[in-house]
Amino acid sequence: MPLEAPYSDKEGNLDLMLATADGKSAGLFKIPTEGSPSYHPIELTTAISPQPSLQWLRDESLMLAWLSTDSKEVFAASADLSGPPARITPRKVFSSAAPIANLTLAQRYNQGRQVYEGVLVLLGLDRAREGLQIRRVGRTGVVESNERFTLPGLQGMAFFETALREDLTPVYSFFDGEGGLWVAQPRVGRMTPVSDSAGNPVTRDCRPHIVLPSRSSKVPGVYIRYIDGGKRLAVVKVG
């Protein structure tokens, strides 16, 4: 099964990352505009978790990251897409004493090296103390930032989704015990319940999704896109 939407370069060549349902086998499938398709397996020593994070980097490379079965270790693999890739060998890039609730992979431009590179944003939860720990980890495993936030109301919440602003600041969403959606903005210490056009809680059945406009947008803020009444797409601003 595909791990993410495929990548197509300017010549029309197609790259697709595939994995088996159990995560024990995965690889890069390349479909050129001319010639025969090829498959390049990842030399896995640990299975890919059910929710890996994949980035097609702008310099025609990719980075894939996933959690171990106990959610305490982060593994990553990368490959050059401009030609036949070398051996795709994963490596452990980070270890945590406590389970990681969410891993999100983003990309940024490194001015010093003049390349695009992957960067990890890791979420840790301490529900008993209503606390969040957000760590930013570079491609080599170096922790670049480690911040803790208190969010009243976090206890009893189930994690759902992450979205990153352009500066890599995260926005999270959770479901409460009754199935209602909440949006968490750690930097402002706010948990916001999300309601539909009739004032009812937005639930999982509404297929909610965080939308973050670019910094140049004329409508900045945090939005939730959802299916309203089972019939139409709707958007509500929550921050």
Protein backbone atom coordinates (compact mmCIF):
# COMPACT_ATOMS: atom_id res chain seq x y z
CA MET A 1 0.00 0.00 0.00
CA PRO A 2 1.22 3.57 -0.64
CA LEU A 3 2.48 5.50 2.39
CA GLU A 4 1.78 8.91 0.84
CA ALA A 5 0.64 10.47 -2.42
CA PRO A 6 3.26 9.84 -5.15
CA TYR A 7 5.88 12.37 -6.23
CA SER A 8 6.22 13.47 -9.85
CA ASP A 9 9.25 15.46 -11.05
CA LYS A 10 9.29 18.05 -13.83
CA GLU A 11 10.07 15.36 -16.44
CA GLY A 12 7.03 13.33 -15.40
CA ASN A 13 8.90 10.51 -13.62
CA LEU A 14 6.83 9.06 -10.78
CA ASP A 15 8.06 7.89 -7.37
CA LEU A 16 5.92 5.96 -4.91
CA MET A 17 6.77 4.69 -1.43
CA LEU A 18 5.09 1.36 -0.68
CA ALA A 19 4.81 -0.81 2.44
CA THR A 20 3.03 -3.98 3.43
CA ALA A 21 0.16 -3.72 5.90
CA ASP A 22 2.30 -5.10 8.74
CA GLY A 23 5.15 -2.66 7.98
CA LYS A 24 7.74 -5.44 7.74
CA SER A 25 8.54 -4.76 4.08
CA ALA A 26 8.75 -1.42 2.26
CA GLY A 27 10.50 0.20 -0.66
CA LEU A 28 10.63 2.90 -3.31
CA PHE A 29 8.86 2.16 -6.60
CA LYS A 30 10.14 4.29 -9.50
CA ILE A 31 8.14 4.66 -12.72
CA PRO A 32 10.13 6.57 -15.37
CA THR A 33 8.61 8.22 -18.43
CA GLU A 34 10.90 6.00 -20.50
CA GLY A 35 12.21 2.58 -19.64
CA SER A 36 11.09 -0.01 -17.13
CA PRO A 37 9.82 0.54 -13.56
CA SER A 38 12.15 -0.45 -10.72
CA TYR A 39 11.72 -1.31 -7.07
CA HIS A 40 14.27 -0.43 -4.38
CA PRO A 41 13.59 -2.07 -0.98
CA ILE A 42 14.31 -0.45 2.37
CA GLU A 43 16.60 -2.67 4.42
CA LEU A 44 14.36 -2.77 7.47
CA THR A 45 15.53 -4.02 10.85
CA THR A 46 12.33 -2.84 12.58
CA ALA A 47 8.82 -2.69 11.17
CA ILE A 48 7.40 0.63 9.99
CA SER A 49 4.71 1.80 12.41
CA PRO A 50 1.10 2.29 11.24
CA GLN A 51 1.45 6.09 11.00
CA PRO A 52 4.84 6.96 9.49
CA SER A 53 5.66 10.44 8.22
CA LEU A 54 7.02 10.99 4.70
CA GLN A 55 8.38 14.12 3.03
CA TRP A 56 9.25 14.53 -0.64
CA LEU A 57 11.97 17.15 -0.27
CA ARG A 58 12.31 19.96 -2.79
CA ASP A 59 15.82 18.93 -3.82
CA GLU A 60 14.48 15.66 -5.29
CA SER A 61 15.07 13.45 -2.29
CA LEU A 62 12.82 11.87 0.29
CA MET A 63 12.85 11.24 4.01
CA LEU A 64 10.71 8.69 5.83
CA ALA A 65 10.42 8.48 9.63
CA TRP A 66 8.49 6.21 11.97
CA LEU A 67 8.20 5.11 15.60
CA SER A 68 9.21 1.81 17.17
CA THR A 69 6.52 -0.52 18.52
CA ASP A 70 6.88 0.98 22.02
CA SER A 71 6.84 4.54 20.57
CA LYS A 72 10.11 5.40 22.33
CA GLU A 73 12.48 5.31 19.35
CA VAL A 74 12.46 7.15 16.01
CA PHE A 75 13.85 5.57 12.86
CA ALA A 76 14.46 7.35 9.56
CA ALA A 77 15.48 6.53 6.00
CA SER A 78 16.31 8.80 3.07
CA ALA A 79 16.89 8.40 -0.66
CA ASP A 80 17.96 10.47 -3.66
CA LEU A 81 15.22 10.60 -6.31
CA SER A 82 17.27 12.10 -9.14
CA GLY A 83 18.62 8.70 -10.18
CA PRO A 84 18.72 5.06 -9.09
CA PRO A 85 19.01 5.30 -5.29
CA ALA A 86 21.84 3.74 -3.32
CA ARG A 87 21.00 1.27 -0.56
CA ILE A 88 18.11 2.63 1.50
CA THR A 89 19.24 1.84 5.03
CA PRO A 90 17.26 3.16 8.02
CA ARG A 91 18.94 4.43 11.15
CA LYS A 92 17.78 5.20 14.67
CA VAL A 93 17.87 8.97 15.05
CA PHE A 94 16.25 9.54 18.46
CA SER A 95 15.31 7.80 21.70
CA SER A 96 12.88 8.96 24.39
CA ALA A 97 12.37 7.81 27.97
CA ALA A 98 8.59 8.17 27.60
CA PRO A 99 6.36 7.17 24.65
CA ILE A 100 6.06 9.68 21.81
CA ALA A 101 2.41 10.46 21.05
CA ASN A 102 2.99 11.83 17.56
CA LEU A 103 5.79 12.21 15.03
CA THR A 104 5.55 14.78 12.23
CA LEU A 105 8.21 15.20 9.56
CA ALA A 106 8.64 18.58 7.86
CA GLN A 107 11.23 20.14 5.58
CA ARG A 108 13.24 23.33 5.70
CA TYR A 109 16.06 24.96 3.77
CA ASN A 110 19.49 24.84 5.40
CA GLN A 111 21.26 28.06 4.37
CA GLY A 112 24.66 26.83 5.49
CA ARG A 113 24.55 23.55 3.57
CA GLN A 114 22.30 25.02 0.82
CA VAL A 115 20.06 21.95 0.82
CA TYR A 116 16.56 21.02 1.89
CA GLU A 117 16.48 18.70 4.88
CA GLY A 118 13.98 16.90 7.02
CA VAL A 119 13.20 17.97 10.58
CA LEU A 120 11.15 16.05 13.16
CA VAL A 121 8.55 17.54 15.50
CA LEU A 122 7.76 15.12 18.35
CA LEU A 123 4.82 15.35 20.76
CA GLY A 124 4.88 13.92 24.26
CA LEU A 125 1.82 13.93 26.53
CA ASP A 126 1.51 14.02 30.31
CA ARG A 127 -2.27 13.93 30.67
CA ALA A 128 -2.19 13.64 34.46
CA ARG A 129 -0.47 17.04 34.64
CA GLU A 130 -2.23 18.41 31.53
CA GLY A 131 1.19 18.88 29.94
CA LEU A 132 2.63 18.73 26.44
CA GLN A 133 6.29 18.29 25.55
CA ILE A 134 7.26 19.40 22.04
CA ARG A 135 10.73 18.56 20.76
CA ARG A 136 12.25 19.57 17.44
CA VAL A 137 14.90 17.14 16.24
CA GLY A 138 17.25 17.64 13.29
CA ARG A 139 18.05 15.05 10.64
CA THR A 140 21.07 13.78 12.60
CA GLY A 141 19.09 13.32 15.83
CA VAL A 142 20.24 16.51 17.58
CA VAL A 143 17.50 18.05 19.75
CA GLU A 144 17.18 21.66 18.59
CA SER A 145 14.40 22.69 20.97
CA ASN A 146 12.57 21.11 23.90
CA GLU A 147 9.51 22.98 25.18
CA ARG A 148 6.86 22.12 27.74
CA PHE A 149 3.37 23.60 27.87
CA THR A 150 0.38 23.29 30.18
CA LEU A 151 -3.05 22.98 28.54
CA PRO A 152 -5.99 22.91 30.95
CA GLY A 153 -8.50 20.30 29.84
CA LEU A 154 -5.98 17.92 28.26
CA GLN A 155 -6.68 15.12 30.72
CA GLY A 156 -8.96 12.51 29.16
CA MET A 157 -8.34 13.72 25.60
CA ALA A 158 -7.38 11.37 22.74
CA PHE A 159 -4.83 12.68 20.23
CA PHE A 160 -6.06 13.03 16.62
CA GLU A 161 -4.03 15.24 14.26
CA THR A 162 -1.04 17.56 13.82
CA ALA A 163 -0.50 20.50 11.48
CA LEU A 164 2.63 22.64 11.28
CA ARG A 165 2.85 26.33 10.51
CA GLU A 166 5.60 27.55 8.19
CA ASP A 167 7.82 28.26 11.21
CA LEU A 168 7.24 24.61 12.34
CA THR A 169 5.01 25.68 15.25
CA PRO A 170 2.51 22.84 15.75
CA VAL A 171 -1.26 22.92 16.11
CA TYR A 172 -2.92 19.76 17.47
CA SER A 173 -6.43 18.37 17.62
CA PHE A 174 -7.92 15.98 20.18
CA PHE A 175 -11.22 14.24 20.84
CA ASP A 176 -12.80 14.45 24.29
CA GLY A 177 -14.53 11.60 26.09
CA GLU A 178 -17.82 12.32 24.34
CA GLY A 179 -16.28 12.40 20.86
CA GLY A 180 -16.13 16.17 20.41
CA LEU A 181 -13.18 17.77 18.63
CA TRP A 182 -10.86 20.26 20.34
CA VAL A 183 -7.98 22.24 18.86
CA ALA A 184 -4.84 22.86 20.92
CA GLN A 185 -2.48 25.78 20.32
CA PRO A 186 0.36 25.21 22.82
CA ARG A 187 2.06 28.57 22.28
CA VAL A 188 -1.03 30.45 23.46
CA GLY A 189 -2.04 27.85 26.06
CA ARG A 190 -5.48 27.35 24.58
CA MET A 191 -7.80 24.35 24.01
CA THR A 192 -10.80 25.27 21.83
CA PRO A 193 -13.91 23.12 21.27
CA VAL A 194 -15.10 22.97 17.66
CA SER A 195 -18.80 23.27 16.77
CA ASP A 196 -20.59 22.90 13.44
CA SER A 197 -22.99 25.39 11.84
CA ALA A 198 -25.84 24.20 14.10
CA GLY A 199 -23.77 24.56 17.26
CA ASN A 200 -23.21 20.82 17.69
CA PRO A 201 -19.76 19.38 18.42
CA VAL A 202 -17.72 18.38 15.39
CA THR A 203 -17.04 14.64 15.74
CA ARG A 204 -14.89 12.04 14.02
CA ASP A 205 -17.76 11.25 11.62
CA CYS A 206 -17.40 14.80 10.26
CA ARG A 207 -13.91 13.92 8.92
CA PRO A 208 -12.28 17.04 10.47
CA HIS A 209 -8.95 18.34 9.25
CA ILE A 210 -6.74 21.25 10.42
CA VAL A 211 -6.13 23.91 7.75
CA LEU A 212 -3.35 26.48 8.21
CA PRO A 213 -3.14 29.23 5.54
CA SER A 214 0.29 30.48 4.52
CA ARG A 215 1.78 33.51 6.29
CA SER A 216 0.98 35.65 3.20
CA SER A 217 -2.70 34.70 3.25
CA LYS A 218 -5.34 37.42 3.60
CA VAL A 219 -7.28 35.11 5.94
CA PRO A 220 -4.68 34.03 8.55
CA GLY A 221 -5.61 31.85 11.49
CA VAL A 222 -6.40 28.24 12.36
CA TYR A 223 -9.31 26.56 10.61
CA ILE A 224 -11.08 23.21 10.75
CA ARG A 225 -12.49 21.79 7.53
CA TYR A 226 -15.24 19.22 8.10
CA ILE A 227 -18.31 17.62 6.49
CA ASP A 228 -21.37 19.51 7.69
CA GLY A 229 -24.56 17.51 8.06
CA GLY A 230 -23.08 14.70 6.01
CA LYS A 231 -23.71 16.70 2.84
CA ARG A 232 -21.23 19.52 2.29
CA LEU A 233 -17.77 20.74 3.15
CA ALA A 234 -17.59 23.53 5.70
CA VAL A 235 -14.81 25.52 7.34
CA VAL A 236 -14.81 27.10 10.80
CA LYS A 237 -12.15 29.41 12.24
CA VAL A 238 -10.92 28.35 15.67
CA GLY A 239 -7.93 30.59 16.22
